[in-house]
Amino acid sequence: MPMWHIYCHESLYSREDKKKFAERITKFYEKFVNLPRFYVSVIFQELPPHSFFMGGEETSDFVRIWIDHVARTTAEDGQDALMRAVNKTIDPFVHERGLRSEIHIDDTPIGLWSIQGLKPPDAMSDVEKKWIAENKPSKY
């Protein structure tokens, strides 16, 4: 599962912006990683005024994105491509708006993950394909 934590000033994104941003992130994983849509979680951690500082200075034009990857890990030789793809995914909501940003991705071992108490199926197995089609986990 990828879980995106998007830390930002509370004035940066409207409700519609957040919905479109989350959908863009979900489509990225659905299209390029072939994950079930329900694996993708996006949390906007909105910070009130006077709560976000960079280098000791208050800021409202910075977006910090922390991504947890569990369903798939990234081989070292694929990390640059992943970072380019992530940056392209966020472009309309961050860079094209003139916002500053920082991203980091953690890869968690798949053995330390469960959904609805189930061990997720192997990548691209028949069970995972069923989960993709149904957009929900089921016992197997």
C-alpha atoms as a PDB file:
ATOM      1  CA  MET A   1       0.000   0.000   0.000  1.00  0.00           C
ATOM      2  CA  PRO A   2       1.221   3.459  -0.661  1.00  0.00           C
ATOM      3  CA  MET A   3       0.157   5.966   1.960  1.00  0.00           C
ATOM      4  CA  TRP A   4       0.858   9.590   1.189  1.00  0.00           C
ATOM      5  CA  HIS A   5       1.068  12.105   4.041  1.00  0.00           C
ATOM      6  CA  ILE A   6       0.856  15.587   2.545  1.00  0.00           C
ATOM      7  CA  TYR A   7       1.847  18.261   5.049  1.00  0.00           C
ATOM      8  CA  CYS A   8       0.767  21.723   3.962  1.00  0.00           C
ATOM      9  CA  HIS A   9      -0.573  25.062   5.132  1.00  0.00           C
ATOM     10  CA  GLU A  10      -4.334  24.898   5.618  1.00  0.00           C
ATOM     11  CA  SER A  11      -4.949  27.532   2.932  1.00  0.00           C
ATOM     12  CA  LEU A  12      -3.169  25.712   0.078  1.00  0.00           C
ATOM     13  CA  TYR A  13      -5.785  23.249  -1.148  1.00  0.00           C
ATOM     14  CA  SER A  14      -9.540  23.411  -1.518  1.00  0.00           C
ATOM     15  CA  ARG A  15     -11.708  20.357  -0.962  1.00  0.00           C
ATOM     16  CA  GLU A  16     -11.878  19.885  -4.763  1.00  0.00           C
ATOM     17  CA  ASP A  17      -8.083  20.274  -5.068  1.00  0.00           C
ATOM     18  CA  LYS A  18      -7.577  17.535  -2.486  1.00  0.00           C
ATOM     19  CA  LYS A  19      -9.988  15.199  -4.270  1.00  0.00           C
ATOM     20  CA  LYS A  20      -8.255  15.760  -7.633  1.00  0.00           C
ATOM     21  CA  PHE A  21      -4.795  15.422  -6.078  1.00  0.00           C
ATOM     22  CA  ALA A  22      -5.746  12.122  -4.384  1.00  0.00           C
ATOM     23  CA  GLU A  23      -7.295  10.823  -7.621  1.00  0.00           C
ATOM     24  CA  ARG A  24      -4.140  11.688  -9.572  1.00  0.00           C
ATOM     25  CA  ILE A  25      -2.018   9.819  -7.029  1.00  0.00           C
ATOM     26  CA  THR A  26      -4.374   6.810  -7.139  1.00  0.00           C
ATOM     27  CA  LYS A  27      -4.313   6.727 -10.950  1.00  0.00           C
ATOM     28  CA  PHE A  28      -0.511   6.766 -10.886  1.00  0.00           C
ATOM     29  CA  TYR A  29      -0.410   3.571  -8.805  1.00  0.00           C
ATOM     30  CA  GLU A  30      -3.267   1.956 -10.693  1.00  0.00           C
ATOM     31  CA  LYS A  31      -1.759   2.631 -14.127  1.00  0.00           C
ATOM     32  CA  PHE A  32       1.982   2.351 -13.603  1.00  0.00           C
ATOM     33  CA  VAL A  33       2.272  -0.047 -10.666  1.00  0.00           C
ATOM     34  CA  ASN A  34      -0.934  -2.024 -11.290  1.00  0.00           C
ATOM     35  CA  LEU A  35      -2.114  -1.817  -7.688  1.00  0.00           C
ATOM     36  CA  PRO A  36      -5.680  -2.161  -6.471  1.00  0.00           C
ATOM     37  CA  ARG A  37      -7.133   1.333  -6.036  1.00  0.00           C
ATOM     38  CA  PHE A  38      -8.046   0.628  -2.414  1.00  0.00           C
ATOM     39  CA  TYR A  39      -4.350   0.160  -1.584  1.00  0.00           C
ATOM     40  CA  VAL A  40      -3.765   3.899  -2.118  1.00  0.00           C
ATOM     41  CA  SER A  41      -4.298   6.246   0.847  1.00  0.00           C
ATOM     42  CA  VAL A  42      -3.785  10.009   0.883  1.00  0.00           C
ATOM     43  CA  ILE A  43      -3.897  12.082   4.057  1.00  0.00           C
ATOM     44  CA  PHE A  44      -3.736  15.868   3.983  1.00  0.00           C
ATOM     45  CA  GLN A  45      -2.158  17.055   7.194  1.00  0.00           C
ATOM     46  CA  GLU A  46      -3.155  20.694   7.143  1.00  0.00           C
ATOM     47  CA  LEU A  47      -1.239  22.986   9.414  1.00  0.00           C
ATOM     48  CA  PRO A  48      -2.741  26.159  10.866  1.00  0.00           C
ATOM     49  CA  PRO A  49      -1.002  29.539  10.554  1.00  0.00           C
ATOM     50  CA  HIS A  50       2.169  29.908  12.617  1.00  0.00           C
ATOM     51  CA  SER A  51       2.699  26.112  12.680  1.00  0.00           C
ATOM     52  CA  PHE A  52       5.034  25.372   9.756  1.00  0.00           C
ATOM     53  CA  PHE A  53       8.641  26.544   9.843  1.00  0.00           C
ATOM     54  CA  MET A  54      11.573  25.986   7.494  1.00  0.00           C
ATOM     55  CA  GLY A  55      15.022  27.047   8.616  1.00  0.00           C
ATOM     56  CA  GLY A  56      13.424  28.794  11.580  1.00  0.00           C
ATOM     57  CA  GLU A  57      11.185  30.902   9.335  1.00  0.00           C
ATOM     58  CA  GLU A  58       7.406  30.626   9.151  1.00  0.00           C
ATOM     59  CA  THR A  59       6.195  29.408   5.755  1.00  0.00           C
ATOM     60  CA  SER A  60       2.911  28.829   3.970  1.00  0.00           C
ATOM     61  CA  ASP A  61       4.268  27.939   0.496  1.00  0.00           C
ATOM     62  CA  PHE A  62       5.901  24.596   1.272  1.00  0.00           C
ATOM     63  CA  VAL A  63       4.537  21.072   0.801  1.00  0.00           C
ATOM     64  CA  ARG A  64       6.210  18.129   2.541  1.00  0.00           C
ATOM     65  CA  ILE A  65       5.254  14.696   1.223  1.00  0.00           C
ATOM     66  CA  TRP A  66       6.073  11.515   3.106  1.00  0.00           C
ATOM     67  CA  ILE A  67       5.202   8.327   1.242  1.00  0.00           C
ATOM     68  CA  ASP A  68       5.057   4.875   2.824  1.00  0.00           C
ATOM     69  CA  HIS A  69       5.424   2.041   0.315  1.00  0.00           C
ATOM     70  CA  VAL A  70       4.588  -1.499   1.357  1.00  0.00           C
ATOM     71  CA  ALA A  71       2.841  -3.301  -1.514  1.00  0.00           C
ATOM     72  CA  ARG A  72       5.882  -2.899  -3.752  1.00  0.00           C
ATOM     73  CA  THR A  73       9.430  -1.935  -2.930  1.00  0.00           C
ATOM     74  CA  THR A  74      11.720  -0.054  -5.241  1.00  0.00           C
ATOM     75  CA  ALA A  75      15.004  -1.556  -6.395  1.00  0.00           C
ATOM     76  CA  GLU A  76      17.920   0.833  -6.168  1.00  0.00           C
ATOM     77  CA  ASP A  77      18.209   1.048  -9.955  1.00  0.00           C
ATOM     78  CA  GLY A  78      14.560   2.160 -10.176  1.00  0.00           C
ATOM     79  CA  GLN A  79      14.660   4.875  -7.527  1.00  0.00           C
ATOM     80  CA  ASP A  80      15.502   7.767  -9.865  1.00  0.00           C
ATOM     81  CA  ALA A  81      12.666   6.802 -12.218  1.00  0.00           C
ATOM     82  CA  LEU A  82      10.255   6.548  -9.284  1.00  0.00           C
ATOM     83  CA  MET A  83      11.216   9.991  -7.986  1.00  0.00           C
ATOM     84  CA  ARG A  84      10.762  11.504 -11.459  1.00  0.00           C
ATOM     85  CA  ALA A  85       7.328   9.871 -11.735  1.00  0.00           C
ATOM     86  CA  VAL A  86       6.283  11.063  -8.276  1.00  0.00           C
ATOM     87  CA  ASN A  87       7.415  14.613  -9.084  1.00  0.00           C
ATOM     88  CA  LYS A  88       5.472  14.515 -12.357  1.00  0.00           C
ATOM     89  CA  THR A  89       2.410  13.291 -10.450  1.00  0.00           C
ATOM     90  CA  ILE A  90       2.515  16.209  -8.002  1.00  0.00           C
ATOM     91  CA  ASP A  91       3.437  18.880 -10.599  1.00  0.00           C
ATOM     92  CA  PRO A  92      -0.062  20.375 -11.106  1.00  0.00           C
ATOM     93  CA  PHE A  93      -0.610  20.688  -7.353  1.00  0.00           C
ATOM     94  CA  VAL A  94       2.842  21.751  -6.232  1.00  0.00           C
ATOM     95  CA  HIS A  95       5.435  22.889  -8.764  1.00  0.00           C
ATOM     96  CA  GLU A  96       3.050  24.482 -11.265  1.00  0.00           C
ATOM     97  CA  ARG A  97       1.597  26.520  -8.381  1.00  0.00           C
ATOM     98  CA  GLY A  98       5.039  27.852  -7.478  1.00  0.00           C
ATOM     99  CA  LEU A  99       5.186  25.950  -4.192  1.00  0.00           C
ATOM    100  CA  ARG A 100       8.358  24.615  -2.666  1.00  0.00           C
ATOM    101  CA  SER A 101       8.423  20.918  -1.843  1.00  0.00           C
ATOM    102  CA  GLU A 102      10.256  17.982  -0.350  1.00  0.00           C
ATOM    103  CA  ILE A 103       9.468  14.290  -0.758  1.00  0.00           C
ATOM    104  CA  HIS A 104      10.727  11.172   0.913  1.00  0.00           C
ATOM    105  CA  ILE A 105       9.688   7.560   0.479  1.00  0.00           C
ATOM    106  CA  ASP A 106       9.978   4.741   3.009  1.00  0.00           C
ATOM    107  CA  ASP A 107       9.874   1.121   1.808  1.00  0.00           C
ATOM    108  CA  THR A 108       8.414  -1.136   4.501  1.00  0.00           C
ATOM    109  CA  PRO A 109       8.926  -4.922   4.332  1.00  0.00           C
ATOM    110  CA  ILE A 110       5.752  -6.542   2.994  1.00  0.00           C
ATOM    111  CA  GLY A 111       5.803  -9.056   5.862  1.00  0.00           C
ATOM    112  CA  LEU A 112       4.913  -6.203   8.236  1.00  0.00           C
ATOM    113  CA  TRP A 113       1.617  -5.400   6.506  1.00  0.00           C
ATOM    114  CA  SER A 114      -1.944  -6.719   6.570  1.00  0.00           C
ATOM    115  CA  ILE A 115      -5.310  -5.572   5.214  1.00  0.00           C
ATOM    116  CA  GLN A 116      -8.498  -6.453   7.060  1.00  0.00           C
ATOM    117  CA  GLY A 117      -6.353  -8.930   9.000  1.00  0.00           C
ATOM    118  CA  LEU A 118      -5.254 -10.651   5.774  1.00  0.00           C
ATOM    119  CA  LYS A 119      -1.757 -11.084   4.432  1.00  0.00           C
ATOM    120  CA  PRO A 120      -1.873  -9.379   1.023  1.00  0.00           C
ATOM    121  CA  PRO A 121      -1.490 -11.700  -1.961  1.00  0.00           C
ATOM    122  CA  ASP A 122       1.650 -11.837  -4.055  1.00  0.00           C
ATOM    123  CA  ALA A 123       2.066  -9.184  -6.725  1.00  0.00           C
ATOM    124  CA  MET A 124       0.107  -9.963  -9.898  1.00  0.00           C
ATOM    125  CA  SER A 125      -1.145 -13.290  -8.516  1.00  0.00           C
ATOM    126  CA  ASP A 126      -4.652 -14.444  -9.383  1.00  0.00           C
ATOM    127  CA  VAL A 127      -5.785 -13.341  -5.924  1.00  0.00           C
ATOM    128  CA  GLU A 128      -4.366  -9.854  -6.352  1.00  0.00           C
ATOM    129  CA  LYS A 129      -6.006  -9.618  -9.790  1.00  0.00           C
ATOM    130  CA  LYS A 130      -9.306 -10.491  -8.102  1.00  0.00           C
ATOM    131  CA  TRP A 131      -8.711  -7.780  -5.500  1.00  0.00           C
ATOM    132  CA  ILE A 132      -8.005  -5.300  -8.321  1.00  0.00           C
ATOM    133  CA  ALA A 133     -11.205  -6.253 -10.154  1.00  0.00           C
ATOM    134  CA  GLU A 134     -13.357  -6.104  -7.015  1.00  0.00           C
ATOM    135  CA  ASN A 135     -11.501  -3.099  -5.508  1.00  0.00           C
ATOM    136  CA  LYS A 136     -11.553  -4.719  -2.076  1.00  0.00           C
ATOM    137  CA  PRO A 137      -9.759  -7.481  -0.158  1.00  0.00           C
ATOM    138  CA  SER A 138     -11.250 -10.938   0.207  1.00  0.00           C
ATOM    139  CA  LYS A 139     -10.182 -14.087   1.988  1.00  0.00           C
ATOM    140  CA  TYR A 140      -8.187 -16.613   0.044  1.00  0.00           C
END
